[in-house]
Amino acid sequence: MKLVIQRVTRASVLIDDKIHSTIGKGLLLLLGIEQGDGLEQVNHLASKVSKIRLWPDLKDSKKQWASSVVENGFELMVVSQFTLFATFKKPKPDFHQAMGGSEAEGLYEAFVEKCRSELAPGKVSTGSFGAMMQVELCNDGPVTVELLSPVAPSTAPSAAASAAASAAPSVAPSASPTARSQRAGSEQFEELLGQQPYLGGYLPAAIDAEQFAKMSQPGGRPPSSPNLARWYEHVASFSEMERRVWGS
């Protein structure tokens, strides 16, 4: 989970050219939610936001970085921003690392509620999750900082990945697995990739290179199920040399 935090004198969100929400002095938070994030990351970052000192001391303005949004009685605006986790193996951005759908929306709402519990009533405004928004702001300073969630999840192959790998059909040239076993393996991979960006976890691993090689053999067809198809296209964007070093 990632936050880009801007100290502002004012900010507003427009949807369809109509004002959706506004704040005065305070912080504009762009919140990116990554595959694997959970309530631990929500609580960690929301608590930090209420404590970080981005304004001068309330009694002595010469003392910089001495007071928080809470101490000043300022406001927050939280805007969901999945593009914070874009990757660029090609000029076109890839958003596979960002969490999507109802799971991400649930964590976004949990983050907003945690912020509301940390600030005074009525001090937290939001954008609209998943909507096309125009965000206007006046950055005060300018001051822009970034906060990241606790240590990223392990990149070692998960137990689920190992189980899926062992259950997946072997597609070596000398083998001739049945269509039924191939379908079962694909279904397990599809489910796994709904929880994490790669078969090996949160970074590409040997299992990703191996399965891609099997699926891209001459005469084969790229997967059509949503998660597998997205994974297949993303792995294909790497060079063969890059895939060879995964997990080495």
C-alpha atoms as a PDB file:
ATOM      1  CA  MET A   1       0.000   0.000   0.000  1.00  0.00           C
ATOM      2  CA  LYS A   2       1.288   3.428  -0.920  1.00  0.00           C
ATOM      3  CA  LEU A   3       0.303   7.002  -0.079  1.00  0.00           C
ATOM      4  CA  VAL A   4       1.348  10.134  -1.929  1.00  0.00           C
ATOM      5  CA  ILE A   5       0.619  12.980   0.501  1.00  0.00           C
ATOM      6  CA  GLN A   6       0.365  16.613  -0.529  1.00  0.00           C
ATOM      7  CA  ARG A   7       0.043  19.483   1.908  1.00  0.00           C
ATOM      8  CA  VAL A   8      -2.614  21.766   0.457  1.00  0.00           C
ATOM      9  CA  THR A   9      -4.346  25.059   1.099  1.00  0.00           C
ATOM     10  CA  ARG A  10      -7.389  23.670  -0.719  1.00  0.00           C
ATOM     11  CA  ALA A  11      -8.408  20.673  -2.826  1.00  0.00           C
ATOM     12  CA  SER A  12     -11.492  19.478  -4.634  1.00  0.00           C
ATOM     13  CA  VAL A  13     -12.745  16.492  -6.621  1.00  0.00           C
ATOM     14  CA  LEU A  14     -14.953  16.985  -9.680  1.00  0.00           C
ATOM     15  CA  ILE A  15     -16.963  14.207 -11.320  1.00  0.00           C
ATOM     16  CA  ASP A  16     -18.709  14.953 -14.626  1.00  0.00           C
ATOM     17  CA  ASP A  17     -17.680  18.613 -14.158  1.00  0.00           C
ATOM     18  CA  LYS A  18     -19.587  18.814 -10.879  1.00  0.00           C
ATOM     19  CA  ILE A  19     -17.987  19.333  -7.484  1.00  0.00           C
ATOM     20  CA  HIS A  20     -18.057  16.062  -5.565  1.00  0.00           C
ATOM     21  CA  SER A  21     -16.107  17.152  -2.443  1.00  0.00           C
ATOM     22  CA  THR A  22     -13.831  19.920  -1.210  1.00  0.00           C
ATOM     23  CA  ILE A  23     -11.475  20.661   1.668  1.00  0.00           C
ATOM     24  CA  GLY A  24      -9.584  23.712   2.878  1.00  0.00           C
ATOM     25  CA  LYS A  25      -6.153  23.491   4.537  1.00  0.00           C
ATOM     26  CA  GLY A  26      -4.976  19.963   5.111  1.00  0.00           C
ATOM     27  CA  LEU A  27      -3.711  16.905   3.237  1.00  0.00           C
ATOM     28  CA  LEU A  28      -4.661  15.387  -0.085  1.00  0.00           C
ATOM     29  CA  LEU A  29      -3.971  11.637   0.049  1.00  0.00           C
ATOM     30  CA  LEU A  30      -3.580   9.572  -3.126  1.00  0.00           C
ATOM     31  CA  LEU A  31      -4.014   5.964  -1.988  1.00  0.00           C
ATOM     32  CA  GLY A  32      -2.675   3.033  -4.008  1.00  0.00           C
ATOM     33  CA  ILE A  33      -3.629  -0.503  -2.956  1.00  0.00           C
ATOM     34  CA  GLU A  34      -1.379  -3.368  -4.001  1.00  0.00           C
ATOM     35  CA  GLN A  35      -2.013  -7.074  -4.472  1.00  0.00           C
ATOM     36  CA  GLY A  36      -1.625  -8.727  -1.064  1.00  0.00           C
ATOM     37  CA  ASP A  37      -2.520  -5.677   1.041  1.00  0.00           C
ATOM     38  CA  GLY A  38      -4.863  -6.062   4.007  1.00  0.00           C
ATOM     39  CA  LEU A  39      -6.106  -4.394   7.174  1.00  0.00           C
ATOM     40  CA  GLU A  40      -2.599  -4.389   8.669  1.00  0.00           C
ATOM     41  CA  GLN A  41      -1.457  -1.978   5.967  1.00  0.00           C
ATOM     42  CA  VAL A  42      -4.655   0.077   6.298  1.00  0.00           C
ATOM     43  CA  ASN A  43      -4.239   0.594  10.045  1.00  0.00           C
ATOM     44  CA  HIS A  44      -0.511   1.283   9.798  1.00  0.00           C
ATOM     45  CA  LEU A  45      -0.772   4.024   7.180  1.00  0.00           C
ATOM     46  CA  ALA A  46      -3.945   5.670   8.484  1.00  0.00           C
ATOM     47  CA  SER A  47      -2.409   5.984  11.949  1.00  0.00           C
ATOM     48  CA  LYS A  48       0.781   7.476  10.501  1.00  0.00           C
ATOM     49  CA  VAL A  49      -1.117  10.086   8.486  1.00  0.00           C
ATOM     50  CA  SER A  50      -2.687  11.548  11.616  1.00  0.00           C
ATOM     51  CA  LYS A  51       0.727  11.886  13.290  1.00  0.00           C
ATOM     52  CA  ILE A  52       3.173  13.072  10.631  1.00  0.00           C
ATOM     53  CA  ARG A  53       4.303  16.641  11.238  1.00  0.00           C
ATOM     54  CA  LEU A  54       4.124  18.696   8.055  1.00  0.00           C
ATOM     55  CA  TRP A  55       3.366  22.151   9.527  1.00  0.00           C
ATOM     56  CA  PRO A  56       5.206  24.596  11.809  1.00  0.00           C
ATOM     57  CA  ASP A  57       4.848  24.537  15.573  1.00  0.00           C
ATOM     58  CA  LEU A  58       1.546  26.033  16.730  1.00  0.00           C
ATOM     59  CA  LYS A  59       3.251  28.426  19.145  1.00  0.00           C
ATOM     60  CA  ASP A  60       6.510  29.129  17.340  1.00  0.00           C
ATOM     61  CA  SER A  61       6.215  29.368  13.543  1.00  0.00           C
ATOM     62  CA  LYS A  62       9.999  29.329  13.200  1.00  0.00           C
ATOM     63  CA  LYS A  63      10.000  25.685  14.214  1.00  0.00           C
ATOM     64  CA  GLN A  64       9.221  23.772  11.051  1.00  0.00           C
ATOM     65  CA  TRP A  65       7.839  20.219  10.804  1.00  0.00           C
ATOM     66  CA  ALA A  66       6.412  20.345  14.301  1.00  0.00           C
ATOM     67  CA  SER A  67       2.610  19.898  14.085  1.00  0.00           C
ATOM     68  CA  SER A  68       0.189  17.424  12.514  1.00  0.00           C
ATOM     69  CA  VAL A  69      -3.089  17.674  10.635  1.00  0.00           C
ATOM     70  CA  VAL A  70      -4.904  16.682  13.833  1.00  0.00           C
ATOM     71  CA  GLU A  71      -3.186  19.281  16.003  1.00  0.00           C
ATOM     72  CA  ASN A  72      -4.022  22.009  13.488  1.00  0.00           C
ATOM     73  CA  GLY A  73      -7.636  20.908  13.079  1.00  0.00           C
ATOM     74  CA  PHE A  74      -7.142  20.662   9.317  1.00  0.00           C
ATOM     75  CA  GLU A  75      -8.850  18.319   6.860  1.00  0.00           C
ATOM     76  CA  LEU A  76      -8.076  15.224   4.787  1.00  0.00           C
ATOM     77  CA  MET A  77      -9.175  14.228   1.325  1.00  0.00           C
ATOM     78  CA  VAL A  78      -8.639  10.580   0.307  1.00  0.00           C
ATOM     79  CA  VAL A  79      -8.608   9.687  -3.398  1.00  0.00           C
ATOM     80  CA  SER A  80      -8.083   6.136  -4.684  1.00  0.00           C
ATOM     81  CA  GLN A  81      -5.175   5.932  -7.146  1.00  0.00           C
ATOM     82  CA  PHE A  82      -4.401   2.491  -8.583  1.00  0.00           C
ATOM     83  CA  THR A  83      -1.941   4.030 -11.067  1.00  0.00           C
ATOM     84  CA  LEU A  84       0.604   4.396  -8.229  1.00  0.00           C
ATOM     85  CA  PHE A  85       1.489   0.749  -8.874  1.00  0.00           C
ATOM     86  CA  ALA A  86       1.993   1.025 -12.626  1.00  0.00           C
ATOM     87  CA  THR A  87       5.007  -0.768 -14.098  1.00  0.00           C
ATOM     88  CA  PHE A  88       6.660   0.018 -17.434  1.00  0.00           C
ATOM     89  CA  LYS A  89       8.328  -2.929 -19.116  1.00  0.00           C
ATOM     90  CA  LYS A  90       6.735  -1.433 -22.233  1.00  0.00           C
ATOM     91  CA  PRO A  91       5.730   2.193 -22.895  1.00  0.00           C
ATOM     92  CA  LYS A  92       2.155   1.229 -22.063  1.00  0.00           C
ATOM     93  CA  PRO A  93       1.642   1.046 -18.258  1.00  0.00           C
ATOM     94  CA  ASP A  94       0.831  -2.306 -16.699  1.00  0.00           C
ATOM     95  CA  PHE A  95      -1.401  -2.218 -13.612  1.00  0.00           C
ATOM     96  CA  HIS A  96      -1.229  -5.909 -12.736  1.00  0.00           C
ATOM     97  CA  GLN A  97       0.463  -5.135  -9.411  1.00  0.00           C
ATOM     98  CA  ALA A  98      -2.484  -3.014  -8.240  1.00  0.00           C
ATOM     99  CA  MET A  99      -5.364  -4.690  -6.458  1.00  0.00           C
ATOM    100  CA  GLY A 100      -8.681  -4.269  -8.221  1.00  0.00           C
ATOM    101  CA  GLY A 101     -12.367  -4.875  -7.782  1.00  0.00           C
ATOM    102  CA  SER A 102     -14.429  -5.125  -4.622  1.00  0.00           C
ATOM    103  CA  GLU A 103     -11.447  -6.245  -2.522  1.00  0.00           C
ATOM    104  CA  ALA A 104      -9.594  -2.994  -3.195  1.00  0.00           C
ATOM    105  CA  GLU A 105     -12.748  -0.953  -2.635  1.00  0.00           C
ATOM    106  CA  GLY A 106     -13.262  -2.628   0.740  1.00  0.00           C
ATOM    107  CA  LEU A 107      -9.724  -1.698   1.850  1.00  0.00           C
ATOM    108  CA  TYR A 108     -10.186   1.844   0.537  1.00  0.00           C
ATOM    109  CA  GLU A 109     -13.363   2.233   2.618  1.00  0.00           C
ATOM    110  CA  ALA A 110     -11.605   0.729   5.652  1.00  0.00           C
ATOM    111  CA  PHE A 111      -8.774   3.252   5.246  1.00  0.00           C
ATOM    112  CA  VAL A 112     -11.240   6.144   5.064  1.00  0.00           C
ATOM    113  CA  GLU A 113     -13.050   4.960   8.195  1.00  0.00           C
ATOM    114  CA  LYS A 114      -9.758   4.573  10.076  1.00  0.00           C
ATOM    115  CA  CYS A 115      -8.821   8.146   9.117  1.00  0.00           C
ATOM    116  CA  ARG A 116     -12.210   9.366  10.329  1.00  0.00           C
ATOM    117  CA  SER A 117     -11.620   7.677  13.668  1.00  0.00           C
ATOM    118  CA  GLU A 118      -8.273   9.501  13.984  1.00  0.00           C
ATOM    119  CA  LEU A 119      -9.581  12.992  13.129  1.00  0.00           C
ATOM    120  CA  ALA A 120     -12.440  15.141  14.384  1.00  0.00           C
ATOM    121  CA  PRO A 121     -15.919  14.445  12.899  1.00  0.00           C
ATOM    122  CA  GLY A 122     -16.468  15.876   9.432  1.00  0.00           C
ATOM    123  CA  LYS A 123     -12.780  16.375   8.700  1.00  0.00           C
ATOM    124  CA  VAL A 124     -12.363  13.603   6.095  1.00  0.00           C
ATOM    125  CA  SER A 125     -13.640  13.891   2.514  1.00  0.00           C
ATOM    126  CA  THR A 126     -13.210  11.456  -0.365  1.00  0.00           C
ATOM    127  CA  GLY A 127     -13.289  10.977  -4.076  1.00  0.00           C
ATOM    128  CA  SER A 128     -15.443   8.226  -5.590  1.00  0.00           C
ATOM    129  CA  PHE A 129     -13.813   4.804  -5.885  1.00  0.00           C
ATOM    130  CA  GLY A 130     -13.444   3.701  -9.504  1.00  0.00           C
ATOM    131  CA  ALA A 131     -14.858   6.918 -10.963  1.00  0.00           C
ATOM    132  CA  MET A 132     -13.194   9.180 -13.520  1.00  0.00           C
ATOM    133  CA  MET A 133     -12.284  12.215 -11.436  1.00  0.00           C
ATOM    134  CA  GLN A 134     -10.627  15.587 -11.876  1.00  0.00           C
ATOM    135  CA  VAL A 135      -8.616  16.520  -8.793  1.00  0.00           C
ATOM    136  CA  GLU A 136      -7.785  20.179  -8.272  1.00  0.00           C
ATOM    137  CA  LEU A 137      -5.445  21.364  -5.525  1.00  0.00           C
ATOM    138  CA  CYS A 138      -3.144  24.121  -4.379  1.00  0.00           C
ATOM    139  CA  ASN A 139       0.005  22.470  -3.018  1.00  0.00           C
ATOM    140  CA  ASP A 140       1.244  24.405   0.001  1.00  0.00           C
ATOM    141  CA  GLY A 141       5.020  24.719  -0.004  1.00  0.00           C
ATOM    142  CA  PRO A 142       5.126  22.717  -2.194  1.00  0.00           C
ATOM    143  CA  VAL A 143       5.193  19.805   0.234  1.00  0.00           C
ATOM    144  CA  THR A 144       4.765  16.277  -1.142  1.00  0.00           C
ATOM    145  CA  VAL A 145       5.824  13.123   0.710  1.00  0.00           C
ATOM    146  CA  GLU A 146       5.289   9.409   0.304  1.00  0.00           C
ATOM    147  CA  LEU A 147       4.428   6.704   2.825  1.00  0.00           C
ATOM    148  CA  LEU A 148       4.656   2.969   2.205  1.00  0.00           C
ATOM    149  CA  SER A 149       3.041   0.130   4.108  1.00  0.00           C
ATOM    150  CA  PRO A 150       5.123  -2.239   6.285  1.00  0.00           C
ATOM    151  CA  VAL A 151       7.574  -4.740   4.819  1.00  0.00           C
ATOM    152  CA  ALA A 152       6.251  -6.141   1.561  1.00  0.00           C
ATOM    153  CA  PRO A 153       4.914  -9.707   1.560  1.00  0.00           C
ATOM    154  CA  SER A 154       7.454 -12.459   1.014  1.00  0.00           C
ATOM    155  CA  THR A 155       8.395 -12.983  -2.595  1.00  0.00           C
ATOM    156  CA  ALA A 156       9.192 -16.649  -2.029  1.00  0.00           C
ATOM    157  CA  PRO A 157       6.815 -19.069  -3.751  1.00  0.00           C
ATOM    158  CA  SER A 158       3.741 -19.426  -1.569  1.00  0.00           C
ATOM    159  CA  ALA A 159       2.284 -22.691  -0.400  1.00  0.00           C
ATOM    160  CA  ALA A 160      -0.618 -22.075  -2.767  1.00  0.00           C
ATOM    161  CA  ALA A 161       1.796 -21.625  -5.651  1.00  0.00           C
ATOM    162  CA  SER A 162       3.620 -24.830  -4.789  1.00  0.00           C
ATOM    163  CA  ALA A 163       0.343 -26.703  -4.581  1.00  0.00           C
ATOM    164  CA  ALA A 164      -0.803 -25.300  -7.888  1.00  0.00           C
ATOM    165  CA  ALA A 165       2.512 -26.149  -9.513  1.00  0.00           C
ATOM    166  CA  SER A 166       2.402 -29.740  -8.332  1.00  0.00           C
ATOM    167  CA  ALA A 167      -1.202 -30.114  -9.444  1.00  0.00           C
ATOM    168  CA  ALA A 168      -0.629 -28.480 -12.840  1.00  0.00           C
ATOM    169  CA  PRO A 169      -0.175 -30.740 -15.836  1.00  0.00           C
ATOM    170  CA  SER A 170       3.299 -31.393 -17.155  1.00  0.00           C
ATOM    171  CA  VAL A 171       3.498 -30.252 -20.756  1.00  0.00           C
ATOM    172  CA  ALA A 172       6.999 -31.484 -21.615  1.00  0.00           C
ATOM    173  CA  PRO A 173       7.422 -32.350 -25.301  1.00  0.00           C
ATOM    174  CA  SER A 174       7.493 -36.077 -24.562  1.00  0.00           C
ATOM    175  CA  ALA A 175       4.325 -35.962 -22.491  1.00  0.00           C
ATOM    176  CA  SER A 176       0.732 -35.962 -23.719  1.00  0.00           C
ATOM    177  CA  PRO A 177      -1.530 -34.857 -20.820  1.00  0.00           C
ATOM    178  CA  THR A 178      -5.274 -35.109 -21.232  1.00  0.00           C
ATOM    179  CA  ALA A 179      -7.425 -32.069 -21.854  1.00  0.00           C
ATOM    180  CA  ARG A 180      -9.122 -32.736 -18.539  1.00  0.00           C
ATOM    181  CA  SER A 181      -5.909 -32.482 -16.498  1.00  0.00           C
ATOM    182  CA  GLN A 182      -4.858 -29.374 -18.425  1.00  0.00           C
ATOM    183  CA  ARG A 183      -8.157 -27.718 -17.614  1.00  0.00           C
ATOM    184  CA  ALA A 184      -7.826 -28.578 -13.910  1.00  0.00           C
ATOM    185  CA  GLY A 185      -4.347 -27.054 -13.764  1.00  0.00           C
ATOM    186  CA  SER A 186      -5.474 -23.896 -15.552  1.00  0.00           C
ATOM    187  CA  GLU A 187      -8.363 -23.464 -13.129  1.00  0.00           C
ATOM    188  CA  GLN A 188      -5.974 -23.655 -10.165  1.00  0.00           C
ATOM    189  CA  PHE A 189      -3.618 -21.129 -11.739  1.00  0.00           C
ATOM    190  CA  GLU A 190      -6.553 -18.833 -12.504  1.00  0.00           C
ATOM    191  CA  GLU A 191      -7.631 -18.890  -8.859  1.00  0.00           C
ATOM    192  CA  LEU A 192      -4.070 -18.320  -7.619  1.00  0.00           C
ATOM    193  CA  LEU A 193      -3.535 -15.323  -9.910  1.00  0.00           C
ATOM    194  CA  GLY A 194      -6.662 -13.727  -8.505  1.00  0.00           C
ATOM    195  CA  GLN A 195      -4.768 -13.409  -5.199  1.00  0.00           C
ATOM    196  CA  GLN A 196      -1.263 -12.419  -6.345  1.00  0.00           C
ATOM    197  CA  PRO A 197       0.361 -11.048  -9.522  1.00  0.00           C
ATOM    198  CA  TYR A 198       2.652 -13.994 -10.243  1.00  0.00           C
ATOM    199  CA  LEU A 199       2.502 -17.755  -9.739  1.00  0.00           C
ATOM    200  CA  GLY A 200       5.539 -17.463  -7.469  1.00  0.00           C
ATOM    201  CA  GLY A 201       4.187 -14.631  -5.325  1.00  0.00           C
ATOM    202  CA  TYR A 202       4.684 -10.889  -5.656  1.00  0.00           C
ATOM    203  CA  LEU A 203       7.719 -10.995  -7.931  1.00  0.00           C
ATOM    204  CA  PRO A 204       8.338 -13.229 -10.962  1.00  0.00           C
ATOM    205  CA  ALA A 205       9.968 -16.555 -10.091  1.00  0.00           C
ATOM    206  CA  ALA A 206      11.161 -19.745 -11.769  1.00  0.00           C
ATOM    207  CA  ILE A 207       7.650 -21.228 -11.755  1.00  0.00           C
ATOM    208  CA  ASP A 208       6.408 -18.302 -13.866  1.00  0.00           C
ATOM    209  CA  ALA A 209       9.130 -18.838 -16.481  1.00  0.00           C
ATOM    210  CA  GLU A 210       8.546 -22.597 -16.537  1.00  0.00           C
ATOM    211  CA  GLN A 211       4.784 -22.411 -16.937  1.00  0.00           C
ATOM    212  CA  PHE A 212       5.032 -19.668 -19.550  1.00  0.00           C
ATOM    213  CA  ALA A 213       7.450 -21.822 -21.574  1.00  0.00           C
ATOM    214  CA  LYS A 214       5.024 -24.746 -21.421  1.00  0.00           C
ATOM    215  CA  MET A 215       2.016 -22.660 -22.388  1.00  0.00           C
ATOM    216  CA  SER A 216       3.814 -20.956 -25.296  1.00  0.00           C
ATOM    217  CA  GLN A 217       5.038 -24.099 -27.028  1.00  0.00           C
ATOM    218  CA  PRO A 218       4.440 -24.302 -30.801  1.00  0.00           C
ATOM    219  CA  GLY A 219       0.878 -25.235 -31.557  1.00  0.00           C
ATOM    220  CA  GLY A 220      -0.388 -24.093 -28.172  1.00  0.00           C
ATOM    221  CA  ARG A 221      -2.943 -21.371 -27.545  1.00  0.00           C
ATOM    222  CA  PRO A 222      -2.589 -18.505 -25.058  1.00  0.00           C
ATOM    223  CA  PRO A 223      -4.907 -18.863 -22.038  1.00  0.00           C
ATOM    224  CA  SER A 224      -8.316 -17.224 -22.315  1.00  0.00           C
ATOM    225  CA  SER A 225      -9.383 -17.002 -18.652  1.00  0.00           C
ATOM    226  CA  PRO A 226      -9.021 -13.407 -17.347  1.00  0.00           C
ATOM    227  CA  ASN A 227      -6.265 -13.729 -14.727  1.00  0.00           C
ATOM    228  CA  LEU A 228      -4.203 -16.219 -16.699  1.00  0.00           C
ATOM    229  CA  ALA A 229      -4.518 -14.181 -19.882  1.00  0.00           C
ATOM    230  CA  ARG A 230      -3.369 -11.028 -18.075  1.00  0.00           C
ATOM    231  CA  TRP A 231      -0.462 -12.927 -16.481  1.00  0.00           C
ATOM    232  CA  TYR A 232       0.497 -14.518 -19.808  1.00  0.00           C
ATOM    233  CA  GLU A 233       0.556 -11.172 -21.636  1.00  0.00           C
ATOM    234  CA  HIS A 234       2.590  -9.570 -18.847  1.00  0.00           C
ATOM    235  CA  VAL A 235       5.173 -12.382 -18.693  1.00  0.00           C
ATOM    236  CA  ALA A 236       5.445 -12.279 -22.502  1.00  0.00           C
ATOM    237  CA  SER A 237       6.540  -8.619 -22.223  1.00  0.00           C
ATOM    238  CA  PHE A 238       9.823  -9.790 -20.651  1.00  0.00           C
ATOM    239  CA  SER A 239      12.641 -11.037 -22.843  1.00  0.00           C
ATOM    240  CA  GLU A 240      13.583 -14.710 -22.851  1.00  0.00           C
ATOM    241  CA  MET A 241      16.882 -13.806 -21.190  1.00  0.00           C
ATOM    242  CA  GLU A 242      15.047 -12.007 -18.363  1.00  0.00           C
ATOM    243  CA  ARG A 243      12.794 -14.998 -17.788  1.00  0.00           C
ATOM    244  CA  ARG A 244      15.808 -17.323 -17.615  1.00  0.00           C
ATOM    245  CA  VAL A 245      17.218 -15.552 -14.556  1.00  0.00           C
ATOM    246  CA  TRP A 246      14.003 -15.629 -12.519  1.00  0.00           C
ATOM    247  CA  GLY A 247      14.545 -17.655  -9.403  1.00  0.00           C
ATOM    248  CA  SER A 248      18.219 -18.262 -10.201  1.00  0.00           C
END
